[in-house]
């Protein structure tokens, strides 16, 4: 897997993003919505599947969902799953917080090799 550094703790500080905030970052020419929750950083596609709104321009709810700024569709930052009435999802990306910063990979990797619909919606 190829990893990309999003934040460098020396240059950006120990807490470069507030908890319950989202923003758009560009990683390898791809726009990603990066959110920070109390238990870490999470990343989803920046494009809302409903009307192509930029999720990184939205807001993060206390439940850990990013809310699209256009029509208020919500997506879980950890799973990418939309609210049940929406019936949709956004792609998720693996992030890691290391001693030197926050990293992300765009590679598709699932330990169980299941199709996304069995992985993302499992209870």
PDB file of N, CA and C in Angstrom:
ATOM      1  N   UNK A   1       0.837  -1.186   0.000  1.00  0.00           N
ATOM      2  CA  UNK A   1       0.000   0.000   0.000  1.00  0.00           C
ATOM      3  C   UNK A   1       0.876   1.242   0.000  1.00  0.00           C
ATOM      4  N   UNK A   2       0.430   2.245  -0.717  1.00  0.00           N
ATOM      5  CA  UNK A   2       1.140   3.523  -0.724  1.00  0.00           C
ATOM      6  C   UNK A   2       0.420   4.479   0.221  1.00  0.00           C
ATOM      7  N   UNK A   3       1.171   5.076   1.126  1.00  0.00           N
ATOM      8  CA  UNK A   3       0.633   5.996   2.123  1.00  0.00           C
ATOM      9  C   UNK A   3       1.033   7.429   1.793  1.00  0.00           C
ATOM     10  N   UNK A   4       0.136   8.363   2.096  1.00  0.00           N
ATOM     11  CA  UNK A   4       0.370   9.795   1.875  1.00  0.00           C
ATOM     12  C   UNK A   4       0.177  10.518   3.208  1.00  0.00           C
ATOM     13  N   UNK A   5       1.119  11.406   3.523  1.00  0.00           N
ATOM     14  CA  UNK A   5       1.016  12.171   4.771  1.00  0.00           C
ATOM     15  C   UNK A   5       0.094  13.370   4.550  1.00  0.00           C
ATOM     16  N   UNK A   6      -0.942  13.440   5.385  1.00  0.00           N
ATOM     17  CA  UNK A   6      -1.897  14.558   5.314  1.00  0.00           C
ATOM     18  C   UNK A   6      -1.453  15.685   6.240  1.00  0.00           C
ATOM     19  N   UNK A   7      -1.110  15.317   7.470  1.00  0.00           N
ATOM     20  CA  UNK A   7      -0.647  16.287   8.449  1.00  0.00           C
ATOM     21  C   UNK A   7       0.716  15.853   8.970  1.00  0.00           C
ATOM     22  N   UNK A   8       1.590  16.825   9.150  1.00  0.00           N
ATOM     23  CA  UNK A   8       2.889  16.614   9.775  1.00  0.00           C
ATOM     24  C   UNK A   8       2.826  17.332  11.121  1.00  0.00           C
ATOM     25  N   UNK A   9       2.915  16.581  12.223  1.00  0.00           N
ATOM     26  CA  UNK A   9       2.737  17.175  13.536  1.00  0.00           C
ATOM     27  C   UNK A   9       3.788  18.239  13.869  1.00  0.00           C
ATOM     28  N   UNK A  10       4.974  18.165  13.276  1.00  0.00           N
ATOM     29  CA  UNK A  10       5.990  19.186  13.521  1.00  0.00           C
ATOM     30  C   UNK A  10       5.575  20.492  12.839  1.00  0.00           C
ATOM     31  N   UNK A  11       5.140  20.401  11.600  1.00  0.00           N
ATOM     32  CA  UNK A  11       4.769  21.606  10.837  1.00  0.00           C
ATOM     33  C   UNK A  11       3.350  22.094  11.153  1.00  0.00           C
ATOM     34  N   UNK A  12       2.407  21.161  11.364  1.00  0.00           N
ATOM     35  CA  UNK A  12       0.993  21.524  11.512  1.00  0.00           C
ATOM     36  C   UNK A  12       0.517  21.577  12.961  1.00  0.00           C
ATOM     37  N   UNK A  13       1.356  21.166  13.899  1.00  0.00           N
ATOM     38  CA  UNK A  13       0.962  21.135  15.308  1.00  0.00           C
ATOM     39  C   UNK A  13       0.384  19.784  15.695  1.00  0.00           C
ATOM     40  N   UNK A  14       0.230  19.577  16.997  1.00  0.00           N
ATOM     41  CA  UNK A  14      -0.234  18.286  17.510  1.00  0.00           C
ATOM     42  C   UNK A  14      -1.708  18.028  17.221  1.00  0.00           C
ATOM     43  N   UNK A  15      -2.490  19.086  17.063  1.00  0.00           N
ATOM     44  CA  UNK A  15      -3.914  18.949  16.767  1.00  0.00           C
ATOM     45  C   UNK A  15      -4.277  19.879  15.608  1.00  0.00           C
ATOM     46  N   UNK A  16      -3.942  19.478  14.391  1.00  0.00           N
ATOM     47  CA  UNK A  16      -4.142  20.356  13.239  1.00  0.00           C
ATOM     48  C   UNK A  16      -5.595  20.520  12.801  1.00  0.00           C
ATOM     49  N   UNK A  17      -6.482  19.713  13.351  1.00  0.00           N
ATOM     50  CA  UNK A  17      -7.896  19.807  12.978  1.00  0.00           C
ATOM     51  C   UNK A  17      -8.737  19.599  14.225  1.00  0.00           C
ATOM     52  N   UNK A  18      -9.761  20.414  14.386  1.00  0.00           N
ATOM     53  CA  UNK A  18     -10.622  20.323  15.562  1.00  0.00           C
ATOM     54  C   UNK A  18     -11.479  19.055  15.520  1.00  0.00           C
ATOM     55  N   UNK A  19     -11.821  18.549  16.693  1.00  0.00           N
ATOM     56  CA  UNK A  19     -12.726  17.401  16.784  1.00  0.00           C
ATOM     57  C   UNK A  19     -14.096  17.834  16.271  1.00  0.00           C
ATOM     58  N   UNK A  20     -14.767  16.936  15.560  1.00  0.00           N
ATOM     59  CA  UNK A  20     -16.065  17.160  14.911  1.00  0.00           C
ATOM     60  C   UNK A  20     -15.976  18.220  13.819  1.00  0.00           C
ATOM     61  N   UNK A  21     -14.867  18.190  13.090  1.00  0.00           N
ATOM     62  CA  UNK A  21     -14.733  19.069  11.937  1.00  0.00           C
ATOM     63  C   UNK A  21     -14.420  18.228  10.704  1.00  0.00           C
ATOM     64  N   UNK A  22     -14.741  18.776   9.539  1.00  0.00           N
ATOM     65  CA  UNK A  22     -14.403  18.140   8.263  1.00  0.00           C
ATOM     66  C   UNK A  22     -13.748  19.182   7.370  1.00  0.00           C
ATOM     67  N   UNK A  23     -12.945  18.696   6.442  1.00  0.00           N
ATOM     68  CA  UNK A  23     -12.328  19.577   5.457  1.00  0.00           C
ATOM     69  C   UNK A  23     -11.962  18.742   4.242  1.00  0.00           C
ATOM     70  N   UNK A  24     -11.744  19.412   3.137  1.00  0.00           N
ATOM     71  CA  UNK A  24     -11.325  18.740   1.916  1.00  0.00           C
ATOM     72  C   UNK A  24      -9.807  18.773   1.830  1.00  0.00           C
ATOM     73  N   UNK A  25      -9.217  17.613   1.522  1.00  0.00           N
ATOM     74  CA  UNK A  25      -7.787  17.527   1.265  1.00  0.00           C
ATOM     75  C   UNK A  25      -7.617  16.870  -0.104  1.00  0.00           C
ATOM     76  N   UNK A  26      -6.565  17.239  -0.798  1.00  0.00           N
ATOM     77  CA  UNK A  26      -6.263  16.612  -2.077  1.00  0.00           C
ATOM     78  C   UNK A  26      -5.123  15.621  -1.862  1.00  0.00           C
ATOM     79  N   UNK A  27      -5.376  14.377  -2.246  1.00  0.00           N
ATOM     80  CA  UNK A  27      -4.393  13.313  -2.081  1.00  0.00           C
ATOM     81  C   UNK A  27      -4.205  12.638  -3.435  1.00  0.00           C
ATOM     82  N   UNK A  28      -3.018  12.773  -3.989  1.00  0.00           N
ATOM     83  CA  UNK A  28      -2.704  12.143  -5.266  1.00  0.00           C
ATOM     84  C   UNK A  28      -3.756  12.492  -6.334  1.00  0.00           C
ATOM     85  N   UNK A  29      -4.109  13.768  -6.424  1.00  0.00           N
ATOM     86  CA  UNK A  29      -5.085  14.301  -7.382  1.00  0.00           C
ATOM     87  C   UNK A  29      -6.513  13.829  -7.136  1.00  0.00           C
ATOM     88  N   UNK A  30      -6.828  13.397  -5.924  1.00  0.00           N
ATOM     89  CA  UNK A  30      -8.178  12.960  -5.565  1.00  0.00           C
ATOM     90  C   UNK A  30      -8.645  13.789  -4.371  1.00  0.00           C
ATOM     91  N   UNK A  31      -9.872  14.304  -4.449  1.00  0.00           N
ATOM     92  CA  UNK A  31     -10.424  15.073  -3.341  1.00  0.00           C
ATOM     93  C   UNK A  31     -11.030  14.132  -2.308  1.00  0.00           C
ATOM     94  N   UNK A  32     -10.621  14.337  -1.067  1.00  0.00           N
ATOM     95  CA  UNK A  32     -11.032  13.496   0.058  1.00  0.00           C
ATOM     96  C   UNK A  32     -11.617  14.388   1.142  1.00  0.00           C
ATOM     97  N   UNK A  33     -12.684  13.925   1.773  1.00  0.00           N
ATOM     98  CA  UNK A  33     -13.243  14.610   2.940  1.00  0.00           C
ATOM     99  C   UNK A  33     -12.608  13.974   4.172  1.00  0.00           C
ATOM    100  N   UNK A  34     -11.852  14.761   4.907  1.00  0.00           N
ATOM    101  CA  UNK A  34     -11.172  14.293   6.109  1.00  0.00           C
ATOM    102  C   UNK A  34     -11.902  14.834   7.324  1.00  0.00           C
ATOM    103  N   UNK A  35     -12.301  13.929   8.207  1.00  0.00           N
ATOM    104  CA  UNK A  35     -12.995  14.330   9.425  1.00  0.00           C
ATOM    105  C   UNK A  35     -12.234  13.879  10.646  1.00  0.00           C
ATOM    106  N   UNK A  36     -12.392  14.628  11.713  1.00  0.00           N
ATOM    107  CA  UNK A  36     -11.776  14.230  12.988  1.00  0.00           C
ATOM    108  C   UNK A  36     -12.878  14.016  14.010  1.00  0.00           C
ATOM    109  N   UNK A  37     -12.871  12.821  14.579  1.00  0.00           N
ATOM    110  CA  UNK A  37     -13.794  12.453  15.643  1.00  0.00           C
ATOM    111  C   UNK A  37     -12.982  12.238  16.913  1.00  0.00           C
ATOM    112  N   UNK A  38     -13.627  12.061  18.068  1.00  0.00           N
ATOM    113  CA  UNK A  38     -12.861  11.865  19.301  1.00  0.00           C
ATOM    114  C   UNK A  38     -11.891  10.681  19.245  1.00  0.00           C
ATOM    115  N   UNK A  39     -12.207   9.673  18.423  1.00  0.00           N
ATOM    116  CA  UNK A  39     -11.329   8.498  18.360  1.00  0.00           C
ATOM    117  C   UNK A  39     -10.431   8.476  17.137  1.00  0.00           C
ATOM    118  N   UNK A  40     -10.248   9.614  16.469  1.00  0.00           N
ATOM    119  CA  UNK A  40      -9.282   9.673  15.387  1.00  0.00           C
ATOM    120  C   UNK A  40      -9.776  10.363  14.129  1.00  0.00           C
ATOM    121  N   UNK A  41      -8.965  10.227  13.080  1.00  0.00           N
ATOM    122  CA  UNK A  41      -9.265  10.811  11.776  1.00  0.00           C
ATOM    123  C   UNK A  41      -9.895   9.746  10.879  1.00  0.00           C
ATOM    124  N   UNK A  42     -10.867  10.166  10.076  1.00  0.00           N
ATOM    125  CA  UNK A  42     -11.552   9.271   9.152  1.00  0.00           C
ATOM    126  C   UNK A  42     -11.698   9.989   7.818  1.00  0.00           C
ATOM    127  N   UNK A  43     -11.684   9.220   6.737  1.00  0.00           N
ATOM    128  CA  UNK A  43     -11.721   9.822   5.406  1.00  0.00           C
ATOM    129  C   UNK A  43     -12.744   9.128   4.522  1.00  0.00           C
ATOM    130  N   UNK A  44     -13.499   9.949   3.798  1.00  0.00           N
ATOM    131  CA  UNK A  44     -14.476   9.461   2.832  1.00  0.00           C
ATOM    132  C   UNK A  44     -14.320  10.283   1.550  1.00  0.00           C
ATOM    133  N   UNK A  45     -14.946   9.809   0.491  1.00  0.00           N
ATOM    134  CA  UNK A  45     -14.945  10.561  -0.755  1.00  0.00           C
ATOM    135  C   UNK A  45     -15.537  11.945  -0.504  1.00  0.00           C
ATOM    136  N   UNK A  46     -15.003  12.945  -1.166  1.00  0.00           N
ATOM    137  CA  UNK A  46     -15.481  14.317  -0.974  1.00  0.00           C
ATOM    138  C   UNK A  46     -16.765  14.598  -1.748  1.00  0.00           C
ATOM    139  N   UNK A  47     -17.165  13.704  -2.624  1.00  0.00           N
ATOM    140  CA  UNK A  47     -18.310  13.937  -3.507  1.00  0.00           C
ATOM    141  C   UNK A  47     -19.558  13.224  -2.993  1.00  0.00           C
ATOM    142  N   UNK A  48     -20.582  13.991  -2.704  1.00  0.00           N
ATOM    143  CA  UNK A  48     -21.857  13.426  -2.272  1.00  0.00           C
ATOM    144  C   UNK A  48     -22.510  12.719  -3.470  1.00  0.00           C
ATOM    145  N   UNK A  49     -22.926  11.464  -3.318  1.00  0.00           N
ATOM    146  CA  UNK A  49     -23.526  10.751  -4.446  1.00  0.00           C
ATOM    147  C   UNK A  49     -24.908  11.271  -4.822  1.00  0.00           C
ATOM    148  N   UNK A  50     -25.542  12.033  -3.966  1.00  0.00           N
ATOM    149  CA  UNK A  50     -26.875  12.536  -4.252  1.00  0.00           C
ATOM    150  C   UNK A  50     -26.864  13.635  -5.303  1.00  0.00           C
ATOM    151  N   UNK A  51     -26.078  14.682  -5.060  1.00  0.00           N
ATOM    152  CA  UNK A  51     -26.074  15.820  -5.996  1.00  0.00           C
ATOM    153  C   UNK A  51     -24.671  16.394  -6.175  1.00  0.00           C
ATOM    154  N   UNK A  52     -23.664  15.590  -5.920  1.00  0.00           N
ATOM    155  CA  UNK A  52     -22.257  15.956  -6.132  1.00  0.00           C
ATOM    156  C   UNK A  52     -21.760  17.098  -5.266  1.00  0.00           C
ATOM    157  N   UNK A  53     -22.398  17.338  -4.119  1.00  0.00           N
ATOM    158  CA  UNK A  53     -21.915  18.365  -3.208  1.00  0.00           C
ATOM    159  C   UNK A  53     -20.563  17.985  -2.630  1.00  0.00           C
ATOM    160  N   UNK A  54     -19.791  18.964  -2.235  1.00  0.00           N
ATOM    161  CA  UNK A  54     -18.473  18.745  -1.626  1.00  0.00           C
ATOM    162  C   UNK A  54     -18.656  18.526  -0.124  1.00  0.00           C
ATOM    163  N   UNK A  55     -18.498  17.286   0.319  1.00  0.00           N
ATOM    164  CA  UNK A  55     -18.713  16.958   1.723  1.00  0.00           C
ATOM    165  C   UNK A  55     -17.758  17.689   2.654  1.00  0.00           C
ATOM    166  N   UNK A  56     -16.552  17.958   2.205  1.00  0.00           N
ATOM    167  CA  UNK A  56     -15.580  18.679   3.016  1.00  0.00           C
ATOM    168  C   UNK A  56     -15.979  20.114   3.304  1.00  0.00           C
ATOM    169  N   UNK A  57     -16.983  20.608   2.591  1.00  0.00           N
ATOM    170  CA  UNK A  57     -17.509  21.953   2.840  1.00  0.00           C
ATOM    171  C   UNK A  57     -18.737  21.907   3.748  1.00  0.00           C
ATOM    172  N   UNK A  58     -19.114  20.695   4.153  1.00  0.00           N
ATOM    173  CA  UNK A  58     -20.263  20.516   5.033  1.00  0.00           C
ATOM    174  C   UNK A  58     -19.853  20.631   6.490  1.00  0.00           C
ATOM    175  N   UNK A  59     -20.577  19.904   7.325  1.00  0.00           N
ATOM    176  CA  UNK A  59     -20.238  19.921   8.746  1.00  0.00           C
ATOM    177  C   UNK A  59     -20.312  18.507   9.288  1.00  0.00           C
ATOM    178  N   UNK A  60     -19.728  18.308  10.464  1.00  0.00           N
ATOM    179  CA  UNK A  60     -19.713  17.005  11.125  1.00  0.00           C
ATOM    180  C   UNK A  60     -20.654  17.064  12.320  1.00  0.00           C
ATOM    181  N   UNK A  61     -21.519  16.073  12.439  1.00  0.00           N
ATOM    182  CA  UNK A  61     -22.468  16.031  13.547  1.00  0.00           C
ATOM    183  C   UNK A  61     -21.826  15.346  14.756  1.00  0.00           C
ATOM    184  N   UNK A  62     -22.409  15.529  15.942  1.00  0.00           N
ATOM    185  CA  UNK A  62     -21.897  14.842  17.133  1.00  0.00           C
ATOM    186  C   UNK A  62     -21.994  13.314  17.033  1.00  0.00           C
ATOM    187  N   UNK A  63     -22.799  12.811  16.107  1.00  0.00           N
ATOM    188  CA  UNK A  63     -22.908  11.362  15.881  1.00  0.00           C
ATOM    189  C   UNK A  63     -21.817  10.844  14.952  1.00  0.00           C
ATOM    190  N   UNK A  64     -20.942  11.729  14.475  1.00  0.00           N
ATOM    191  CA  UNK A  64     -19.843  11.316  13.605  1.00  0.00           C
ATOM    192  C   UNK A  64     -20.237  11.176  12.151  1.00  0.00           C
ATOM    193  N   UNK A  65     -21.233  11.944  11.734  1.00  0.00           N
ATOM    194  CA  UNK A  65     -21.664  11.916  10.338  1.00  0.00           C
ATOM    195  C   UNK A  65     -21.318  13.241   9.670  1.00  0.00           C
ATOM    196  N   UNK A  66     -20.871  13.153   8.414  1.00  0.00           N
ATOM    197  CA  UNK A  66     -20.632  14.362   7.646  1.00  0.00           C
ATOM    198  C   UNK A  66     -21.939  14.708   6.941  1.00  0.00           C
ATOM    199  N   UNK A  67     -22.301  15.987   6.987  1.00  0.00           N
ATOM    200  CA  UNK A  67     -23.544  16.453   6.384  1.00  0.00           C
ATOM    201  C   UNK A  67     -23.234  17.278   5.149  1.00  0.00           C
ATOM    202  N   UNK A  68     -23.808  16.869   4.011  1.00  0.00           N
ATOM    203  CA  UNK A  68     -23.595  17.580   2.755  1.00  0.00           C
ATOM    204  C   UNK A  68     -24.168  18.994   2.854  1.00  0.00           C
ATOM    205  N   UNK A  69     -23.435  19.995   2.375  1.00  0.00           N
ATOM    206  CA  UNK A  69     -23.912  21.375   2.480  1.00  0.00           C
ATOM    207  C   UNK A  69     -25.094  21.691   1.556  1.00  0.00           C
ATOM    208  N   UNK A  70     -25.375  20.856   0.569  1.00  0.00           N
ATOM    209  CA  UNK A  70     -26.455  21.163  -0.380  1.00  0.00           C
ATOM    210  C   UNK A  70     -27.836  20.722   0.096  1.00  0.00           C
ATOM    211  N   UNK A  71     -28.017  19.437   0.355  1.00  0.00           N
ATOM    212  CA  UNK A  71     -29.341  18.922   0.686  1.00  0.00           C
ATOM    213  C   UNK A  71     -29.378  18.205   2.031  1.00  0.00           C
ATOM    214  N   UNK A  72     -28.310  18.337   2.821  1.00  0.00           N
ATOM    215  CA  UNK A  72     -28.232  17.809   4.181  1.00  0.00           C
ATOM    216  C   UNK A  72     -28.237  16.282   4.269  1.00  0.00           C
ATOM    217  N   UNK A  73     -27.833  15.592   3.194  1.00  0.00           N
ATOM    218  CA  UNK A  73     -27.655  14.146   3.270  1.00  0.00           C
ATOM    219  C   UNK A  73     -26.491  13.885   4.220  1.00  0.00           C
ATOM    220  N   UNK A  74     -26.584  12.786   4.998  1.00  0.00           N
ATOM    221  CA  UNK A  74     -25.565  12.491   6.005  1.00  0.00           C
ATOM    222  C   UNK A  74     -24.931  11.129   5.754  1.00  0.00           C
ATOM    223  N   UNK A  75     -23.605  11.069   6.018  1.00  0.00           N
ATOM    224  CA  UNK A  75     -22.822   9.854   5.822  1.00  0.00           C
ATOM    225  C   UNK A  75     -21.940   9.607   7.035  1.00  0.00           C
ATOM    226  N   UNK A  76     -21.944   8.363   7.502  1.00  0.00           N
ATOM    227  CA  UNK A  76     -21.121   7.973   8.629  1.00  0.00           C
ATOM    228  C   UNK A  76     -19.647   8.070   8.227  1.00  0.00           C
ATOM    229  N   UNK A  77     -18.851   8.798   8.987  1.00  0.00           N
ATOM    230  CA  UNK A  77     -17.434   8.988   8.652  1.00  0.00           C
ATOM    231  C   UNK A  77     -16.631   7.695   8.775  1.00  0.00           C
ATOM    232  N   UNK A  78     -17.091   6.751   9.578  1.00  0.00           N
ATOM    233  CA  UNK A  78     -16.348   5.499   9.771  1.00  0.00           C
ATOM    234  C   UNK A  78     -16.692   4.447   8.724  1.00  0.00           C
ATOM    235  N   UNK A  79     -17.962   4.362   8.345  1.00  0.00           N
ATOM    236  CA  UNK A  79     -18.399   3.302   7.432  1.00  0.00           C
ATOM    237  C   UNK A  79     -18.744   3.796   6.034  1.00  0.00           C
ATOM    238  N   UNK A  80     -19.022   5.088   5.897  1.00  0.00           N
ATOM    239  CA  UNK A  80     -19.456   5.642   4.616  1.00  0.00           C
ATOM    240  C   UNK A  80     -20.939   5.477   4.350  1.00  0.00           C
ATOM    241  N   UNK A  81     -21.626   4.753   5.212  1.00  0.00           N
ATOM    242  CA  UNK A  81     -23.043   4.470   5.004  1.00  0.00           C
ATOM    243  C   UNK A  81     -23.885   5.719   5.201  1.00  0.00           C
ATOM    244  N   UNK A  82     -24.813   5.949   4.258  1.00  0.00           N
ATOM    245  CA  UNK A  82     -25.752   7.056   4.377  1.00  0.00           C
ATOM    246  C   UNK A  82     -26.863   6.704   5.347  1.00  0.00           C
ATOM    247  N   UNK A  83     -27.646   7.698   5.711  1.00  0.00           N
ATOM    248  CA  UNK A  83     -28.801   7.425   6.560  1.00  0.00           C
ATOM    249  C   UNK A  83     -29.711   6.410   5.870  1.00  0.00           C
ATOM    250  N   UNK A  84     -30.437   5.581   6.637  1.00  0.00           N
ATOM    251  CA  UNK A  84     -31.250   4.515   6.041  1.00  0.00           C
ATOM    252  C   UNK A  84     -32.214   4.975   4.946  1.00  0.00           C
ATOM    253  N   UNK A  85     -32.827   6.121   5.126  1.00  0.00           N
ATOM    254  CA  UNK A  85     -33.785   6.601   4.123  1.00  0.00           C
ATOM    255  C   UNK A  85     -33.111   7.046   2.821  1.00  0.00           C
ATOM    256  N   UNK A  86     -31.809   7.261   2.855  1.00  0.00           N
ATOM    257  CA  UNK A  86     -31.072   7.669   1.655  1.00  0.00           C
ATOM    258  C   UNK A  86     -30.754   6.476   0.759  1.00  0.00           C
ATOM    259  N   UNK A  87     -30.396   5.352   1.354  1.00  0.00           N
ATOM    260  CA  UNK A  87     -30.070   4.158   0.581  1.00  0.00           C
ATOM    261  C   UNK A  87     -28.786   4.285  -0.232  1.00  0.00           C
ATOM    262  N   UNK A  88     -27.819   5.046   0.254  1.00  0.00           N
ATOM    263  CA  UNK A  88     -26.569   5.205  -0.498  1.00  0.00           C
ATOM    264  C   UNK A  88     -25.381   5.209   0.451  1.00  0.00           C
ATOM    265  N   UNK A  89     -24.211   5.410  -0.090  1.00  0.00           N
ATOM    266  CA  UNK A  89     -22.984   5.383   0.698  1.00  0.00           C
ATOM    267  C   UNK A  89     -21.922   6.211  -0.034  1.00  0.00           C
ATOM    268  N   UNK A  90     -20.845   6.514   0.677  1.00  0.00           N
ATOM    269  CA  UNK A  90     -19.656   7.114   0.076  1.00  0.00           C
ATOM    270  C   UNK A  90     -18.475   6.198   0.351  1.00  0.00           C
ATOM    271  N   UNK A  91     -17.494   6.267  -0.515  1.00  0.00           N
ATOM    272  CA  UNK A  91     -16.299   5.451  -0.382  1.00  0.00           C
ATOM    273  C   UNK A  91     -15.500   5.898   0.843  1.00  0.00           C
ATOM    274  N   UNK A  92     -14.919   4.933   1.541  1.00  0.00           N
ATOM    275  CA  UNK A  92     -14.081   5.237   2.706  1.00  0.00           C
ATOM    276  C   UNK A  92     -12.617   4.940   2.384  1.00  0.00           C
ATOM    277  N   UNK A  93     -11.731   5.575   3.135  1.00  0.00           N
ATOM    278  CA  UNK A  93     -10.296   5.393   2.966  1.00  0.00           C
ATOM    279  C   UNK A  93      -9.658   5.186   4.337  1.00  0.00           C
ATOM    280  N   UNK A  94      -8.646   4.348   4.388  1.00  0.00           N
ATOM    281  CA  UNK A  94      -7.970   4.034   5.646  1.00  0.00           C
ATOM    282  C   UNK A  94      -7.014   5.156   6.024  1.00  0.00           C
ATOM    283  N   UNK A  95      -7.101   5.587   7.276  1.00  0.00           N
ATOM    284  CA  UNK A  95      -6.178   6.585   7.813  1.00  0.00           C
ATOM    285  C   UNK A  95      -5.448   5.983   9.015  1.00  0.00           C
ATOM    286  N   UNK A  96      -4.273   6.523   9.295  1.00  0.00           N
ATOM    287  CA  UNK A  96      -3.509   6.137  10.477  1.00  0.00           C
ATOM    288  C   UNK A  96      -2.925   7.384  11.112  1.00  0.00           C
ATOM    289  N   UNK A  97      -3.009   7.441  12.426  1.00  0.00           N
ATOM    290  CA  UNK A  97      -2.311   8.482  13.170  1.00  0.00           C
ATOM    291  C   UNK A  97      -1.040   7.847  13.702  1.00  0.00           C
ATOM    292  N   UNK A  98       0.092   8.380  13.274  1.00  0.00           N
ATOM    293  CA  UNK A  98       1.399   7.862  13.679  1.00  0.00           C
ATOM    294  C   UNK A  98       2.099   8.917  14.533  1.00  0.00           C
ATOM    295  N   UNK A  99       3.282   8.596  15.016  1.00  0.00           N
ATOM    296  CA  UNK A  99       4.018   9.528  15.874  1.00  0.00           C
ATOM    297  C   UNK A  99       4.358  10.837  15.160  1.00  0.00           C
ATOM    298  N   UNK A 100       4.455  10.802  13.824  1.00  0.00           N
ATOM    299  CA  UNK A 100       4.876  11.999  13.087  1.00  0.00           C
ATOM    300  C   UNK A 100       3.746  12.715  12.339  1.00  0.00           C
ATOM    301  N   UNK A 101       2.535  12.137  12.332  1.00  0.00           N
ATOM    302  CA  UNK A 101       1.456  12.806  11.631  1.00  0.00           C
ATOM    303  C   UNK A 101       0.298  11.880  11.301  1.00  0.00           C
ATOM    304  N   UNK A 102      -0.566  12.366  10.429  1.00  0.00           N
ATOM    305  CA  UNK A 102      -1.743  11.617   9.979  1.00  0.00           C
ATOM    306  C   UNK A 102      -1.501  11.195   8.542  1.00  0.00           C
ATOM    307  N   UNK A 103      -1.743   9.921   8.261  1.00  0.00           N
ATOM    308  CA  UNK A 103      -1.482   9.321   6.959  1.00  0.00           C
ATOM    309  C   UNK A 103      -2.754   8.707   6.395  1.00  0.00           C
ATOM    310  N   UNK A 104      -2.816   8.604   5.062  1.00  0.00           N
ATOM    311  CA  UNK A 104      -3.963   7.998   4.384  1.00  0.00           C
ATOM    312  C   UNK A 104      -3.466   7.133   3.234  1.00  0.00           C
ATOM    313  N   UNK A 105      -4.200   6.075   2.958  1.00  0.00           N
ATOM    314  CA  UNK A 105      -3.946   5.283   1.755  1.00  0.00           C
ATOM    315  C   UNK A 105      -5.212   5.276   0.903  1.00  0.00           C
ATOM    316  N   UNK A 106      -5.023   5.308  -0.396  1.00  0.00           N
ATOM    317  CA  UNK A 106      -6.154   5.253  -1.325  1.00  0.00           C
ATOM    318  C   UNK A 106      -6.364   3.843  -1.858  1.00  0.00           C
ATOM    319  N   UNK A 107      -5.476   2.926  -1.458  1.00  0.00           N
ATOM    320  CA  UNK A 107      -5.563   1.545  -1.932  1.00  0.00           C
ATOM    321  C   UNK A 107      -6.798   0.853  -1.382  1.00  0.00           C
ATOM    322  N   UNK A 108      -7.358  -0.002  -2.201  1.00  0.00           N
ATOM    323  CA  UNK A 108      -8.489  -0.817  -1.766  1.00  0.00           C
ATOM    324  C   UNK A 108      -7.919  -2.058  -1.108  1.00  0.00           C
ATOM    325  N   UNK A 109      -8.194  -2.225   0.171  1.00  0.00           N
ATOM    326  CA  UNK A 109      -7.677  -3.383   0.877  1.00  0.00           C
ATOM    327  C   UNK A 109      -8.715  -3.810   1.912  1.00  0.00           C
ATOM    328  N   UNK A 110      -9.128  -5.031   1.791  1.00  0.00           N
ATOM    329  CA  UNK A 110     -10.039  -5.591   2.782  1.00  0.00           C
ATOM    330  C   UNK A 110      -9.463  -6.929   3.219  1.00  0.00           C
ATOM    331  N   UNK A 111      -9.286  -7.087   4.510  1.00  0.00           N
ATOM    332  CA  UNK A 111      -8.715  -8.331   5.026  1.00  0.00           C
ATOM    333  C   UNK A 111      -9.578  -9.542   4.703  1.00  0.00           C
ATOM    334  N   UNK A 112     -10.900  -9.338   4.661  1.00  0.00           N
ATOM    335  CA  UNK A 112     -11.783 -10.474   4.448  1.00  0.00           C
ATOM    336  C   UNK A 112     -12.111 -10.687   2.967  1.00  0.00           C
ATOM    337  N   UNK A 113     -11.636  -9.829   2.078  1.00  0.00           N
ATOM    338  CA  UNK A 113     -11.848  -9.950   0.633  1.00  0.00           C
ATOM    339  C   UNK A 113     -13.318 -10.047   0.241  1.00  0.00           C
ATOM    340  N   UNK A 114     -14.196  -9.497   1.033  1.00  0.00           N
ATOM    341  CA  UNK A 114     -15.613  -9.503   0.703  1.00  0.00           C
ATOM    342  C   UNK A 114     -15.940  -8.322  -0.195  1.00  0.00           C
ATOM    343  N   UNK A 115     -17.004  -8.440  -0.990  1.00  0.00           N
ATOM    344  CA  UNK A 115     -17.464  -7.284  -1.764  1.00  0.00           C
ATOM    345  C   UNK A 115     -17.844  -6.147  -0.811  1.00  0.00           C
ATOM    346  N   UNK A 116     -17.750  -4.913  -1.278  1.00  0.00           N
ATOM    347  CA  UNK A 116     -17.996  -3.752  -0.419  1.00  0.00           C
ATOM    348  C   UNK A 116     -19.364  -3.805   0.239  1.00  0.00           C
ATOM    349  N   UNK A 117     -20.393  -4.322  -0.459  1.00  0.00           N
ATOM    350  CA  UNK A 117     -21.740  -4.287   0.106  1.00  0.00           C
ATOM    351  C   UNK A 117     -21.875  -5.250   1.290  1.00  0.00           C
ATOM    352  N   UNK A 118     -21.038  -6.267   1.377  1.00  0.00           N
ATOM    353  CA  UNK A 118     -21.075  -7.156   2.525  1.00  0.00           C
ATOM    354  C   UNK A 118     -20.220  -6.593   3.665  1.00  0.00           C
ATOM    355  N   UNK A 119     -19.243  -5.790   3.338  1.00  0.00           N
ATOM    356  CA  UNK A 119     -18.347  -5.234   4.350  1.00  0.00           C
ATOM    357  C   UNK A 119     -18.939  -3.976   4.968  1.00  0.00           C
ATOM    358  N   UNK A 120     -19.419  -3.076   4.135  1.00  0.00           N
ATOM    359  CA  UNK A 120     -19.853  -1.765   4.623  1.00  0.00           C
ATOM    360  C   UNK A 120     -21.167  -1.842   5.398  1.00  0.00           C
ATOM    361  N   UNK A 121     -22.009  -2.811   5.085  1.00  0.00           N
ATOM    362  CA  UNK A 121     -23.312  -2.873   5.726  1.00  0.00           C
ATOM    363  C   UNK A 121     -23.423  -3.976   6.771  1.00  0.00           C
ATOM    364  N   UNK A 122     -22.307  -4.612   7.133  1.00  0.00           N
ATOM    365  CA  UNK A 122     -22.410  -5.671   8.130  1.00  0.00           C
ATOM    366  C   UNK A 122     -22.654  -5.061   9.500  1.00  0.00           C
ATOM    367  N   UNK A 123     -23.381  -5.777  10.307  1.00  0.00           N
ATOM    368  CA  UNK A 123     -23.776  -5.259  11.624  1.00  0.00           C
ATOM    369  C   UNK A 123     -22.845  -5.751  12.692  1.00  0.00           C
TER     370      UNK A 123
END
